[in-house]
């Protein structure tokens, strides 16, 4: 499919939803992709990428940053507390703030180093036991606790259950964000990003449709 076709579909979805052009940030999910594929997308001018693991990003992106300016890197996978400091150096945004211990670690690090990536709180809208994320019933209190720590909470993130209608989960996430005064909505992937844009997504995460199928590791 490729980057240009996805970008065109995003633009059409923005227009259909009555939203301004380029109001949605397309995160090209580059996890487990060969460096040559990532470099090809960089060469087309795209600069916003998503990684799932701190270690993989640390081995990939410093070299790309020496060659390409303006890279905007997002952590979209779960984060171990002991990797939090390293994540501050690598990522401009972290989409997986999902527990009080991690929030407290971020708050401490922000004081120590003087900066903090933009943060999205992950909400487990499907209440799936195998997935990370704050449960919807606990989200309001957790959001306000994070704001009280002076953390830069940009918005919310969710990964809907694969077997359920994504629109229901996008609508729930948007409702929680709105009542807490948060504008950012990280939701929508390759199979459902147009629906997510219609429901207010500000960040969508698309991988194999841009790069091709992932290479197993």
N, C-alpha and C. Protein backbone atom coordinates (compact mmCIF):
# COMPACT_ATOMS: atom_id res chain seq x y z
N UNK A 1 0.83 -1.21 0.00
CA UNK A 1 0.00 0.00 0.00
C UNK A 1 0.87 1.26 0.00
N UNK A 2 1.66 1.44 1.02
CA UNK A 2 2.64 2.51 1.03
C UNK A 2 2.20 3.79 1.71
N UNK A 3 3.20 4.62 2.00
CA UNK A 3 2.98 5.85 2.75
C UNK A 3 2.01 6.80 2.07
N UNK A 4 2.18 7.03 0.77
CA UNK A 4 1.36 8.03 0.10
C UNK A 4 -0.12 7.65 0.09
N UNK A 5 -0.40 6.38 -0.13
CA UNK A 5 -1.80 5.95 -0.15
C UNK A 5 -2.44 6.12 1.24
N UNK A 6 -1.70 5.78 2.29
CA UNK A 6 -2.22 5.97 3.64
C UNK A 6 -2.44 7.46 3.92
N UNK A 7 -1.47 8.28 3.54
CA UNK A 7 -1.61 9.73 3.75
C UNK A 7 -2.82 10.27 3.00
N UNK A 8 -3.07 9.78 1.80
CA UNK A 8 -4.25 10.22 1.04
C UNK A 8 -5.54 9.79 1.74
N UNK A 9 -5.56 8.60 2.28
CA UNK A 9 -6.76 8.12 3.00
C UNK A 9 -7.00 8.93 4.27
N UNK A 10 -5.92 9.29 4.95
CA UNK A 10 -6.06 10.14 6.14
C UNK A 10 -6.66 11.48 5.75
N UNK A 11 -6.16 12.07 4.68
CA UNK A 11 -6.67 13.37 4.23
C UNK A 11 -8.15 13.29 3.87
N UNK A 12 -8.57 12.22 3.20
CA UNK A 12 -9.98 12.05 2.85
C UNK A 12 -10.83 11.88 4.10
N UNK A 13 -10.32 11.13 5.08
CA UNK A 13 -11.07 10.93 6.32
C UNK A 13 -11.21 12.23 7.10
N UNK A 14 -10.15 13.04 7.12
CA UNK A 14 -10.23 14.35 7.77
C UNK A 14 -11.31 15.20 7.11
N UNK A 15 -11.30 15.23 5.79
CA UNK A 15 -12.27 16.03 5.06
C UNK A 15 -13.70 15.55 5.29
N UNK A 16 -13.88 14.22 5.26
CA UNK A 16 -15.22 13.65 5.46
C UNK A 16 -15.76 13.95 6.86
N UNK A 17 -14.85 14.07 7.84
CA UNK A 17 -15.26 14.36 9.21
C UNK A 17 -15.37 15.85 9.48
N UNK A 18 -15.12 16.68 8.47
CA UNK A 18 -15.18 18.12 8.64
C UNK A 18 -14.06 18.67 9.49
N UNK A 19 -12.92 17.97 9.46
CA UNK A 19 -11.78 18.39 10.27
C UNK A 19 -10.73 19.06 9.40
N UNK A 20 -9.92 19.94 9.97
CA UNK A 20 -8.89 20.61 9.18
C UNK A 20 -7.87 19.62 8.62
N UNK A 21 -7.32 19.95 7.46
CA UNK A 21 -6.26 19.13 6.89
C UNK A 21 -5.07 19.09 7.84
N UNK A 22 -4.45 17.94 7.92
CA UNK A 22 -3.26 17.71 8.75
C UNK A 22 -3.53 17.89 10.25
N UNK A 23 -4.77 17.67 10.65
CA UNK A 23 -5.09 17.71 12.08
C UNK A 23 -4.84 16.38 12.76
N UNK A 24 -4.57 15.34 11.97
CA UNK A 24 -4.28 14.01 12.50
C UNK A 24 -2.82 13.67 12.24
N UNK A 25 -2.12 13.24 13.28
CA UNK A 25 -0.72 12.86 13.14
C UNK A 25 -0.64 11.37 12.81
N UNK A 26 0.00 11.07 11.70
CA UNK A 26 0.19 9.68 11.26
C UNK A 26 1.50 9.15 11.84
N UNK A 27 1.38 8.20 12.78
CA UNK A 27 2.55 7.56 13.37
C UNK A 27 2.84 6.30 12.56
N UNK A 28 3.97 6.29 11.88
CA UNK A 28 4.40 5.12 11.12
C UNK A 28 5.05 4.14 12.08
N UNK A 29 4.40 3.01 12.32
CA UNK A 29 4.87 2.06 13.33
C UNK A 29 5.99 1.22 12.73
N UNK A 30 7.21 1.53 13.16
CA UNK A 30 8.40 0.95 12.54
C UNK A 30 8.98 -0.20 13.33
N UNK A 31 8.29 -0.66 14.36
CA UNK A 31 8.81 -1.78 15.16
C UNK A 31 9.03 -3.02 14.30
N UNK A 32 10.11 -3.70 14.54
CA UNK A 32 10.48 -4.95 13.86
C UNK A 32 10.52 -4.78 12.34
N UNK A 33 10.84 -3.58 11.89
CA UNK A 33 11.00 -3.35 10.45
C UNK A 33 12.48 -3.18 10.13
N UNK A 34 12.93 -3.74 9.01
CA UNK A 34 14.34 -3.57 8.64
C UNK A 34 14.69 -2.10 8.45
N UNK A 35 15.92 -1.76 8.76
CA UNK A 35 16.34 -0.36 8.67
C UNK A 35 16.16 0.21 7.27
N UNK A 36 16.34 -0.61 6.25
CA UNK A 36 16.21 -0.08 4.89
C UNK A 36 14.78 0.35 4.59
N UNK A 37 13.80 -0.34 5.14
CA UNK A 37 12.40 0.08 4.94
C UNK A 37 12.12 1.39 5.67
N UNK A 38 12.64 1.49 6.89
CA UNK A 38 12.43 2.72 7.67
C UNK A 38 13.11 3.89 6.96
N UNK A 39 14.32 3.67 6.48
CA UNK A 39 15.04 4.76 5.80
C UNK A 39 14.32 5.19 4.52
N UNK A 40 13.69 4.24 3.84
CA UNK A 40 12.94 4.59 2.63
C UNK A 40 11.77 5.51 2.94
N UNK A 41 11.10 5.28 4.08
CA UNK A 41 9.99 6.15 4.47
C UNK A 41 10.53 7.52 4.92
N UNK A 42 11.64 7.52 5.63
CA UNK A 42 12.29 8.79 5.99
C UNK A 42 12.66 9.58 4.74
N UNK A 43 13.15 8.90 3.74
CA UNK A 43 13.57 9.56 2.51
C UNK A 43 12.38 10.20 1.77
N UNK A 44 11.17 9.69 2.02
CA UNK A 44 9.97 10.29 1.42
C UNK A 44 9.51 11.54 2.18
N UNK A 45 10.19 11.84 3.28
CA UNK A 45 9.87 13.05 4.03
C UNK A 45 9.08 12.84 5.30
N UNK A 46 8.68 11.59 5.58
CA UNK A 46 7.91 11.35 6.80
C UNK A 46 8.85 11.38 8.00
N UNK A 47 8.36 11.93 9.12
CA UNK A 47 9.25 12.09 10.28
C UNK A 47 8.64 11.55 11.58
N UNK A 48 7.42 11.10 11.59
CA UNK A 48 6.75 10.66 12.83
C UNK A 48 6.67 9.13 12.84
N UNK A 49 7.33 8.51 13.83
CA UNK A 49 7.44 7.06 13.88
C UNK A 49 7.10 6.55 15.27
N UNK A 50 6.68 5.28 15.33
CA UNK A 50 6.34 4.64 16.59
C UNK A 50 7.13 3.37 16.81
N UNK A 51 7.60 3.18 18.02
CA UNK A 51 8.33 1.97 18.40
C UNK A 51 7.68 1.36 19.64
N UNK A 52 7.79 0.04 19.76
CA UNK A 52 7.19 -0.67 20.89
C UNK A 52 8.16 -0.91 22.04
N UNK A 53 9.45 -0.97 21.73
CA UNK A 53 10.43 -1.32 22.76
C UNK A 53 11.55 -0.29 22.81
N UNK A 54 11.91 0.06 24.03
CA UNK A 54 12.97 1.04 24.24
C UNK A 54 14.29 0.51 23.66
N UNK A 55 14.60 -0.74 23.91
CA UNK A 55 15.87 -1.30 23.46
C UNK A 55 15.98 -1.28 21.94
N UNK A 56 14.92 -1.64 21.25
CA UNK A 56 14.95 -1.62 19.78
C UNK A 56 15.13 -0.20 19.27
N UNK A 57 14.42 0.74 19.87
CA UNK A 57 14.54 2.13 19.44
C UNK A 57 15.94 2.67 19.67
N UNK A 58 16.54 2.28 20.80
CA UNK A 58 17.89 2.77 21.12
C UNK A 58 18.92 2.26 20.12
N UNK A 59 18.67 1.09 19.55
CA UNK A 59 19.60 0.55 18.58
C UNK A 59 19.38 1.04 17.16
N UNK A 60 18.29 1.75 16.93
CA UNK A 60 17.91 2.14 15.58
C UNK A 60 17.97 3.65 15.34
N UNK A 61 17.43 4.44 16.27
CA UNK A 61 17.13 5.83 15.95
C UNK A 61 18.27 6.83 16.11
N UNK A 62 19.24 6.62 17.01
CA UNK A 62 20.34 7.59 17.05
C UNK A 62 21.05 7.76 15.70
N UNK A 63 21.26 6.66 14.99
CA UNK A 63 21.93 6.76 13.69
C UNK A 63 21.04 7.48 12.67
N UNK A 64 19.73 7.20 12.70
CA UNK A 64 18.83 7.90 11.78
C UNK A 64 18.80 9.40 12.09
N UNK A 65 18.87 9.75 13.36
CA UNK A 65 18.82 11.17 13.74
C UNK A 65 20.07 11.92 13.27
N UNK A 66 21.17 11.21 13.11
CA UNK A 66 22.37 11.85 12.57
C UNK A 66 22.19 12.18 11.08
N UNK A 67 21.33 11.45 10.43
CA UNK A 67 21.16 11.59 8.98
C UNK A 67 19.94 12.42 8.59
N UNK A 68 18.88 12.38 9.44
CA UNK A 68 17.62 13.06 9.13
C UNK A 68 17.23 13.98 10.28
N UNK A 69 16.84 15.20 9.94
CA UNK A 69 16.41 16.17 10.94
C UNK A 69 14.92 16.00 11.25
N UNK A 70 14.53 16.44 12.45
CA UNK A 70 13.12 16.59 12.78
C UNK A 70 12.37 15.32 13.06
N UNK A 71 13.06 14.24 13.44
CA UNK A 71 12.38 12.98 13.74
C UNK A 71 11.57 13.11 15.03
N UNK A 72 10.32 12.67 14.98
CA UNK A 72 9.38 12.73 16.10
C UNK A 72 9.05 11.30 16.48
N UNK A 73 9.64 10.82 17.59
CA UNK A 73 9.56 9.40 17.92
C UNK A 73 8.60 9.17 19.09
N UNK A 74 7.70 8.20 18.91
CA UNK A 74 6.66 7.89 19.89
C UNK A 74 6.83 6.46 20.40
N UNK A 75 6.80 6.28 21.72
CA UNK A 75 6.77 4.95 22.30
C UNK A 75 5.32 4.53 22.44
N UNK A 76 4.94 3.45 21.77
CA UNK A 76 3.54 3.02 21.76
C UNK A 76 3.35 1.67 22.44
N UNK A 77 4.44 1.09 22.93
CA UNK A 77 4.35 -0.20 23.63
C UNK A 77 4.53 -0.03 25.12
N UNK A 78 4.34 -1.11 25.88
CA UNK A 78 4.46 -1.04 27.33
C UNK A 78 5.87 -0.67 27.76
N UNK A 79 5.94 0.03 28.87
CA UNK A 79 7.23 0.54 29.36
C UNK A 79 7.50 0.00 30.75
N UNK A 80 8.64 -0.67 30.91
CA UNK A 80 9.09 -1.09 32.22
C UNK A 80 9.62 0.13 32.97
N UNK A 81 9.37 0.18 34.26
CA UNK A 81 9.78 1.34 35.04
C UNK A 81 11.28 1.56 34.96
N UNK A 82 12.06 0.48 34.90
CA UNK A 82 13.52 0.64 34.87
C UNK A 82 14.05 1.15 33.54
N UNK A 83 13.18 1.25 32.54
CA UNK A 83 13.58 1.83 31.24
C UNK A 83 13.07 3.28 31.09
N UNK A 84 12.46 3.81 32.13
CA UNK A 84 11.83 5.13 32.01
C UNK A 84 12.85 6.22 31.72
N UNK A 85 13.99 6.21 32.41
CA UNK A 85 14.98 7.26 32.16
C UNK A 85 15.48 7.22 30.72
N UNK A 86 15.76 6.03 30.23
CA UNK A 86 16.22 5.91 28.84
C UNK A 86 15.16 6.40 27.86
N UNK A 87 13.90 6.16 28.20
CA UNK A 87 12.82 6.59 27.30
C UNK A 87 12.75 8.11 27.19
N UNK A 88 13.13 8.82 28.24
CA UNK A 88 13.12 10.28 28.20
C UNK A 88 14.10 10.80 27.16
N UNK A 89 15.20 10.09 26.96
CA UNK A 89 16.22 10.53 26.01
C UNK A 89 15.86 10.20 24.57
N UNK A 90 15.03 9.19 24.38
CA UNK A 90 14.75 8.70 23.03
C UNK A 90 13.48 9.25 22.41
N UNK A 91 12.44 9.43 23.24
CA UNK A 91 11.09 9.66 22.70
C UNK A 91 10.59 11.07 22.98
N UNK A 92 9.86 11.61 22.00
CA UNK A 92 9.17 12.88 22.20
C UNK A 92 7.80 12.68 22.84
N UNK A 93 7.22 11.50 22.65
CA UNK A 93 5.91 11.17 23.23
C UNK A 93 5.90 9.72 23.70
N UNK A 94 5.20 9.48 24.80
CA UNK A 94 5.02 8.12 25.32
C UNK A 94 3.52 7.89 25.46
N UNK A 95 3.04 6.82 24.81
CA UNK A 95 1.59 6.57 24.73
C UNK A 95 1.13 5.50 25.73
N UNK A 96 1.99 5.07 26.64
CA UNK A 96 1.67 3.89 27.45
C UNK A 96 1.85 4.14 28.94
N UNK A 97 1.46 5.32 29.41
CA UNK A 97 1.40 5.56 30.85
C UNK A 97 0.17 4.83 31.38
N UNK A 98 0.40 3.79 32.19
CA UNK A 98 -0.71 2.88 32.49
C UNK A 98 -0.83 2.47 33.96
N UNK A 99 -0.02 3.10 34.86
CA UNK A 99 -0.09 2.68 36.26
C UNK A 99 0.53 3.75 37.15
N UNK A 100 0.09 3.82 38.41
CA UNK A 100 0.58 4.86 39.31
C UNK A 100 2.09 4.83 39.52
N UNK A 101 2.69 3.64 39.63
CA UNK A 101 4.14 3.56 39.85
C UNK A 101 4.90 4.24 38.72
N UNK A 102 4.47 4.02 37.49
CA UNK A 102 5.15 4.64 36.35
C UNK A 102 4.94 6.16 36.36
N UNK A 103 3.75 6.60 36.72
CA UNK A 103 3.48 8.04 36.81
C UNK A 103 4.41 8.70 37.83
N UNK A 104 4.57 8.07 38.98
CA UNK A 104 5.45 8.63 40.01
C UNK A 104 6.90 8.66 39.53
N UNK A 105 7.31 7.63 38.79
CA UNK A 105 8.67 7.60 38.24
C UNK A 105 8.86 8.73 37.23
N UNK A 106 7.88 8.93 36.36
CA UNK A 106 7.96 10.03 35.40
C UNK A 106 8.06 11.38 36.12
N UNK A 107 7.26 11.57 37.15
CA UNK A 107 7.27 12.84 37.87
C UNK A 107 8.64 13.10 38.51
N UNK A 108 9.23 12.05 39.07
CA UNK A 108 10.56 12.20 39.67
C UNK A 108 11.61 12.51 38.61
N UNK A 109 11.57 11.77 37.51
CA UNK A 109 12.55 12.00 36.45
C UNK A 109 12.41 13.39 35.84
N UNK A 110 11.18 13.85 35.67
CA UNK A 110 10.95 15.18 35.10
C UNK A 110 11.61 16.25 35.96
N UNK A 111 11.55 16.09 37.27
CA UNK A 111 12.21 17.03 38.17
C UNK A 111 13.72 16.93 38.06
N UNK A 112 14.23 15.70 37.92
CA UNK A 112 15.68 15.49 37.88
C UNK A 112 16.31 16.00 36.60
N UNK A 113 15.67 15.72 35.46
CA UNK A 113 16.30 16.04 34.17
C UNK A 113 15.76 17.33 33.55
N UNK A 114 14.66 17.84 34.10
CA UNK A 114 14.16 19.13 33.63
C UNK A 114 13.28 19.10 32.41
N UNK A 115 12.89 17.90 31.98
CA UNK A 115 11.96 17.81 30.85
C UNK A 115 11.24 16.47 30.94
N UNK A 116 10.16 16.36 30.17
CA UNK A 116 9.39 15.12 30.13
C UNK A 116 8.74 15.00 28.76
N UNK A 117 8.75 13.81 28.16
CA UNK A 117 8.02 13.63 26.90
C UNK A 117 6.53 13.92 27.11
N UNK A 118 5.84 14.24 26.02
CA UNK A 118 4.38 14.31 26.09
C UNK A 118 3.84 12.92 26.43
N UNK A 119 2.84 12.89 27.27
CA UNK A 119 2.35 11.62 27.78
C UNK A 119 0.88 11.37 27.42
N UNK A 120 0.62 10.14 26.99
CA UNK A 120 -0.75 9.66 26.79
C UNK A 120 -1.00 8.56 27.81
N UNK A 121 -2.14 8.63 28.48
CA UNK A 121 -2.54 7.59 29.42
C UNK A 121 -3.27 6.49 28.66
N UNK A 122 -2.79 5.26 28.82
CA UNK A 122 -3.41 4.13 28.14
C UNK A 122 -4.62 3.65 28.94
N UNK A 123 -5.76 3.57 28.26
CA UNK A 123 -7.00 3.10 28.88
C UNK A 123 -7.38 1.77 28.25
N UNK A 124 -7.60 0.78 29.07
CA UNK A 124 -7.98 -0.55 28.62
C UNK A 124 -9.50 -0.58 28.43
N UNK A 125 -9.94 0.00 27.32
CA UNK A 125 -11.38 0.18 27.09
C UNK A 125 -12.14 -1.14 27.00
N UNK A 126 -11.45 -2.19 26.57
CA UNK A 126 -12.09 -3.49 26.49
C UNK A 126 -12.01 -4.29 27.77
N UNK A 127 -11.35 -3.73 28.78
CA UNK A 127 -11.18 -4.40 30.08
C UNK A 127 -10.64 -5.81 29.90
N UNK A 128 -9.65 -5.93 29.02
CA UNK A 128 -9.05 -7.23 28.73
C UNK A 128 -7.92 -7.51 29.73
N UNK A 129 -7.97 -8.65 30.42
CA UNK A 129 -6.98 -8.92 31.47
C UNK A 129 -5.55 -9.03 30.96
N UNK A 130 -5.38 -9.41 29.69
CA UNK A 130 -4.03 -9.57 29.16
C UNK A 130 -3.42 -8.26 28.67
N UNK A 131 -4.19 -7.20 28.65
CA UNK A 131 -3.71 -5.92 28.14
C UNK A 131 -3.42 -4.94 29.26
N UNK A 132 -2.43 -4.10 29.01
CA UNK A 132 -2.11 -3.02 29.94
C UNK A 132 -3.17 -1.92 29.82
N UNK A 133 -3.14 -1.01 30.76
CA UNK A 133 -4.03 0.15 30.69
C UNK A 133 -4.89 0.29 31.92
N UNK A 134 -5.22 1.53 32.22
CA UNK A 134 -6.14 1.84 33.30
C UNK A 134 -7.56 1.44 32.89
N UNK A 135 -8.31 0.85 33.78
CA UNK A 135 -9.70 0.50 33.47
C UNK A 135 -10.54 1.78 33.36
N UNK A 136 -11.55 1.79 32.49
CA UNK A 136 -12.37 2.99 32.32
C UNK A 136 -12.92 3.55 33.63
N UNK A 137 -13.32 2.68 34.54
CA UNK A 137 -13.90 3.15 35.80
C UNK A 137 -12.88 3.87 36.68
N UNK A 138 -11.60 3.59 36.46
CA UNK A 138 -10.54 4.20 37.26
C UNK A 138 -9.85 5.36 36.54
N UNK A 139 -10.25 5.61 35.30
CA UNK A 139 -9.49 6.55 34.47
C UNK A 139 -9.56 7.99 34.99
N UNK A 140 -10.73 8.45 35.40
CA UNK A 140 -10.85 9.86 35.81
C UNK A 140 -9.92 10.18 36.98
N UNK A 141 -9.91 9.31 37.99
CA UNK A 141 -9.07 9.56 39.17
C UNK A 141 -7.60 9.52 38.77
N UNK A 142 -7.21 8.54 37.94
CA UNK A 142 -5.81 8.43 37.54
C UNK A 142 -5.37 9.64 36.72
N UNK A 143 -6.22 10.08 35.80
CA UNK A 143 -5.89 11.26 34.99
C UNK A 143 -5.65 12.47 35.89
N UNK A 144 -6.54 12.69 36.82
CA UNK A 144 -6.39 13.86 37.69
C UNK A 144 -5.18 13.72 38.62
N UNK A 145 -4.87 12.51 39.05
CA UNK A 145 -3.67 12.30 39.86
C UNK A 145 -2.41 12.66 39.06
N UNK A 146 -2.39 12.26 37.79
CA UNK A 146 -1.23 12.55 36.94
C UNK A 146 -1.10 14.05 36.69
N UNK A 147 -2.21 14.71 36.46
CA UNK A 147 -2.19 16.16 36.26
C UNK A 147 -1.69 16.86 37.52
N UNK A 148 -2.10 16.35 38.68
CA UNK A 148 -1.66 16.93 39.95
C UNK A 148 -0.16 16.78 40.17
N UNK A 149 0.46 15.80 39.51
CA UNK A 149 1.91 15.63 39.58
C UNK A 149 2.65 16.53 38.59
N UNK A 150 1.91 17.39 37.89
CA UNK A 150 2.48 18.28 36.87
C UNK A 150 3.05 17.52 35.68
N UNK A 151 2.51 16.34 35.42
CA UNK A 151 2.93 15.59 34.24
C UNK A 151 2.25 16.17 32.99
N UNK A 152 2.96 16.22 31.88
CA UNK A 152 2.38 16.78 30.64
C UNK A 152 1.46 15.78 29.95
N UNK A 153 0.25 15.64 30.47
CA UNK A 153 -0.71 14.68 29.90
C UNK A 153 -1.34 15.28 28.66
N UNK A 154 -0.99 14.73 27.51
CA UNK A 154 -1.48 15.21 26.22
C UNK A 154 -2.86 14.64 25.90
N UNK A 155 -3.08 13.39 26.30
CA UNK A 155 -4.35 12.76 25.95
C UNK A 155 -4.38 11.31 26.39
N UNK A 156 -5.23 10.53 25.72
CA UNK A 156 -5.45 9.13 26.06
C UNK A 156 -5.16 8.24 24.86
N UNK A 157 -4.82 6.99 25.16
CA UNK A 157 -4.55 6.00 24.11
C UNK A 157 -5.33 4.73 24.40
N UNK A 158 -5.77 4.04 23.35
CA UNK A 158 -6.40 2.73 23.54
C UNK A 158 -6.07 1.82 22.38
N UNK A 159 -6.15 0.51 22.67
CA UNK A 159 -6.02 -0.54 21.65
C UNK A 159 -7.27 -1.40 21.78
N UNK A 160 -8.28 -1.20 20.94
CA UNK A 160 -9.54 -1.94 21.09
C UNK A 160 -9.36 -3.44 20.90
N UNK A 161 -10.21 -4.25 21.50
CA UNK A 161 -10.18 -5.69 21.25
C UNK A 161 -10.35 -5.98 19.76
N UNK A 162 -9.55 -6.92 19.26
CA UNK A 162 -9.56 -7.20 17.82
C UNK A 162 -10.91 -7.66 17.32
N UNK A 163 -11.67 -8.34 18.19
CA UNK A 163 -12.93 -8.95 17.73
C UNK A 163 -14.14 -8.05 17.96
N UNK A 164 -13.93 -6.84 18.47
CA UNK A 164 -15.05 -5.95 18.74
C UNK A 164 -15.03 -4.73 17.82
N UNK A 165 -16.19 -4.09 17.69
CA UNK A 165 -16.30 -2.90 16.84
C UNK A 165 -15.46 -1.78 17.45
N UNK A 166 -14.47 -1.33 16.68
CA UNK A 166 -13.53 -0.33 17.19
C UNK A 166 -14.21 0.99 17.52
N UNK A 167 -15.26 1.34 16.78
CA UNK A 167 -15.91 2.64 16.98
C UNK A 167 -16.44 2.80 18.41
N UNK A 168 -16.92 1.71 19.00
CA UNK A 168 -17.44 1.79 20.36
C UNK A 168 -16.34 2.17 21.34
N UNK A 169 -15.16 1.63 21.12
CA UNK A 169 -14.03 1.90 22.02
C UNK A 169 -13.47 3.30 21.76
N UNK A 170 -13.46 3.72 20.52
CA UNK A 170 -13.02 5.08 20.21
C UNK A 170 -13.95 6.11 20.84
N UNK A 171 -15.24 5.84 20.77
CA UNK A 171 -16.22 6.77 21.35
C UNK A 171 -16.08 6.84 22.86
N UNK A 172 -15.82 5.70 23.50
CA UNK A 172 -15.63 5.68 24.95
C UNK A 172 -14.38 6.47 25.33
N UNK A 173 -13.29 6.26 24.61
CA UNK A 173 -12.05 6.98 24.90
C UNK A 173 -12.25 8.48 24.75
N UNK A 174 -12.94 8.88 23.68
CA UNK A 174 -13.20 10.30 23.44
C UNK A 174 -14.04 10.91 24.56
N UNK A 175 -14.99 10.14 25.07
CA UNK A 175 -15.84 10.64 26.15
C UNK A 175 -15.04 10.86 27.43
N UNK A 176 -14.17 9.90 27.75
CA UNK A 176 -13.33 10.05 28.95
C UNK A 176 -12.40 11.25 28.81
N UNK A 177 -11.81 11.41 27.63
CA UNK A 177 -10.90 12.53 27.40
C UNK A 177 -11.63 13.86 27.53
N UNK A 178 -12.82 13.96 26.94
CA UNK A 178 -13.55 15.22 26.94
C UNK A 178 -13.90 15.67 28.35
N UNK A 179 -14.34 14.73 29.18
CA UNK A 179 -14.76 15.15 30.52
C UNK A 179 -13.57 15.47 31.43
N UNK A 180 -12.36 15.12 30.98
CA UNK A 180 -11.16 15.47 31.72
C UNK A 180 -10.35 16.58 31.06
N UNK A 181 -10.93 17.19 30.03
CA UNK A 181 -10.29 18.33 29.40
C UNK A 181 -9.05 18.00 28.59
N UNK A 182 -8.97 16.77 28.05
CA UNK A 182 -7.82 16.34 27.26
C UNK A 182 -8.16 16.32 25.78
N UNK A 183 -7.29 16.88 24.97
CA UNK A 183 -7.56 16.99 23.53
C UNK A 183 -7.00 15.83 22.73
N UNK A 184 -5.94 15.19 23.22
CA UNK A 184 -5.26 14.16 22.43
C UNK A 184 -5.94 12.81 22.51
N UNK A 185 -6.10 12.17 21.36
CA UNK A 185 -6.69 10.84 21.28
C UNK A 185 -5.84 9.97 20.36
N UNK A 186 -5.07 9.09 20.96
CA UNK A 186 -4.24 8.16 20.21
C UNK A 186 -5.02 6.87 20.02
N UNK A 187 -5.65 6.75 18.86
CA UNK A 187 -6.52 5.59 18.61
C UNK A 187 -6.67 5.44 17.10
N UNK A 188 -6.84 4.21 16.69
CA UNK A 188 -6.95 3.93 15.26
C UNK A 188 -5.67 3.31 14.73
N UNK A 189 -5.83 2.15 14.07
CA UNK A 189 -4.70 1.45 13.46
C UNK A 189 -5.06 1.12 12.01
N UNK A 190 -4.27 0.25 11.41
CA UNK A 190 -4.41 0.03 9.97
C UNK A 190 -5.83 -0.29 9.54
N UNK A 191 -6.54 -1.12 10.33
CA UNK A 191 -7.85 -1.57 9.91
C UNK A 191 -9.01 -0.66 10.26
N UNK A 192 -8.77 0.36 11.09
CA UNK A 192 -9.91 1.16 11.57
C UNK A 192 -9.62 2.65 11.69
N UNK A 193 -8.52 3.13 11.10
CA UNK A 193 -8.14 4.52 11.40
C UNK A 193 -9.12 5.54 10.85
N UNK A 194 -9.82 5.21 9.77
CA UNK A 194 -10.81 6.17 9.25
C UNK A 194 -11.97 6.36 10.23
N UNK A 195 -12.42 5.26 10.84
CA UNK A 195 -13.45 5.37 11.88
C UNK A 195 -12.94 6.19 13.06
N UNK A 196 -11.69 5.95 13.44
CA UNK A 196 -11.11 6.69 14.57
C UNK A 196 -11.03 8.18 14.28
N UNK A 197 -10.65 8.53 13.06
CA UNK A 197 -10.59 9.95 12.68
C UNK A 197 -11.97 10.59 12.76
N UNK A 198 -12.98 9.86 12.32
CA UNK A 198 -14.35 10.39 12.39
C UNK A 198 -14.78 10.64 13.83
N UNK A 199 -14.18 9.90 14.78
CA UNK A 199 -14.55 10.03 16.18
C UNK A 199 -13.56 10.89 16.97
N UNK A 200 -12.64 11.56 16.26
CA UNK A 200 -11.81 12.55 16.91
C UNK A 200 -10.36 12.20 17.13
N UNK A 201 -9.88 11.10 16.57
CA UNK A 201 -8.47 10.73 16.76
C UNK A 201 -7.55 11.87 16.34
N UNK A 202 -6.54 12.12 17.16
CA UNK A 202 -5.50 13.10 16.81
C UNK A 202 -4.21 12.41 16.40
N UNK A 203 -4.05 11.14 16.80
CA UNK A 203 -2.87 10.35 16.45
C UNK A 203 -3.35 8.96 16.05
N UNK A 204 -2.91 8.48 14.89
CA UNK A 204 -3.23 7.12 14.47
C UNK A 204 -1.93 6.36 14.26
N UNK A 205 -1.99 5.04 14.40
CA UNK A 205 -0.79 4.21 14.39
C UNK A 205 -0.92 3.18 13.27
N UNK A 206 -0.11 3.32 12.25
CA UNK A 206 -0.21 2.45 11.07
C UNK A 206 1.18 1.88 10.77
N UNK A 207 1.26 0.55 10.68
CA UNK A 207 2.55 -0.09 10.46
C UNK A 207 2.69 -0.79 9.14
N UNK A 208 2.19 -2.03 9.07
CA UNK A 208 2.45 -2.86 7.90
C UNK A 208 1.86 -2.28 6.62
N UNK A 209 0.80 -1.51 6.71
CA UNK A 209 0.22 -0.89 5.51
C UNK A 209 1.17 0.13 4.89
N UNK A 210 2.09 0.64 5.68
CA UNK A 210 3.11 1.57 5.17
C UNK A 210 4.38 0.83 4.76
N UNK A 211 4.84 -0.07 5.64
CA UNK A 211 6.16 -0.68 5.46
C UNK A 211 6.12 -2.02 4.76
N UNK A 212 4.97 -2.71 4.79
CA UNK A 212 4.93 -4.11 4.42
C UNK A 212 4.87 -4.95 5.69
N UNK A 213 4.66 -6.24 5.53
CA UNK A 213 4.53 -7.13 6.69
C UNK A 213 5.81 -7.10 7.51
N UNK A 214 5.63 -7.21 8.84
CA UNK A 214 6.77 -7.16 9.73
C UNK A 214 7.67 -8.39 9.54
N UNK A 215 8.92 -8.18 9.83
CA UNK A 215 9.89 -9.27 9.79
C UNK A 215 9.96 -9.88 11.17
N UNK A 216 9.77 -11.20 11.26
CA UNK A 216 9.78 -11.86 12.56
C UNK A 216 11.18 -11.83 13.17
N UNK A 217 11.20 -11.75 14.52
CA UNK A 217 12.47 -11.79 15.24
C UNK A 217 12.49 -12.94 16.21
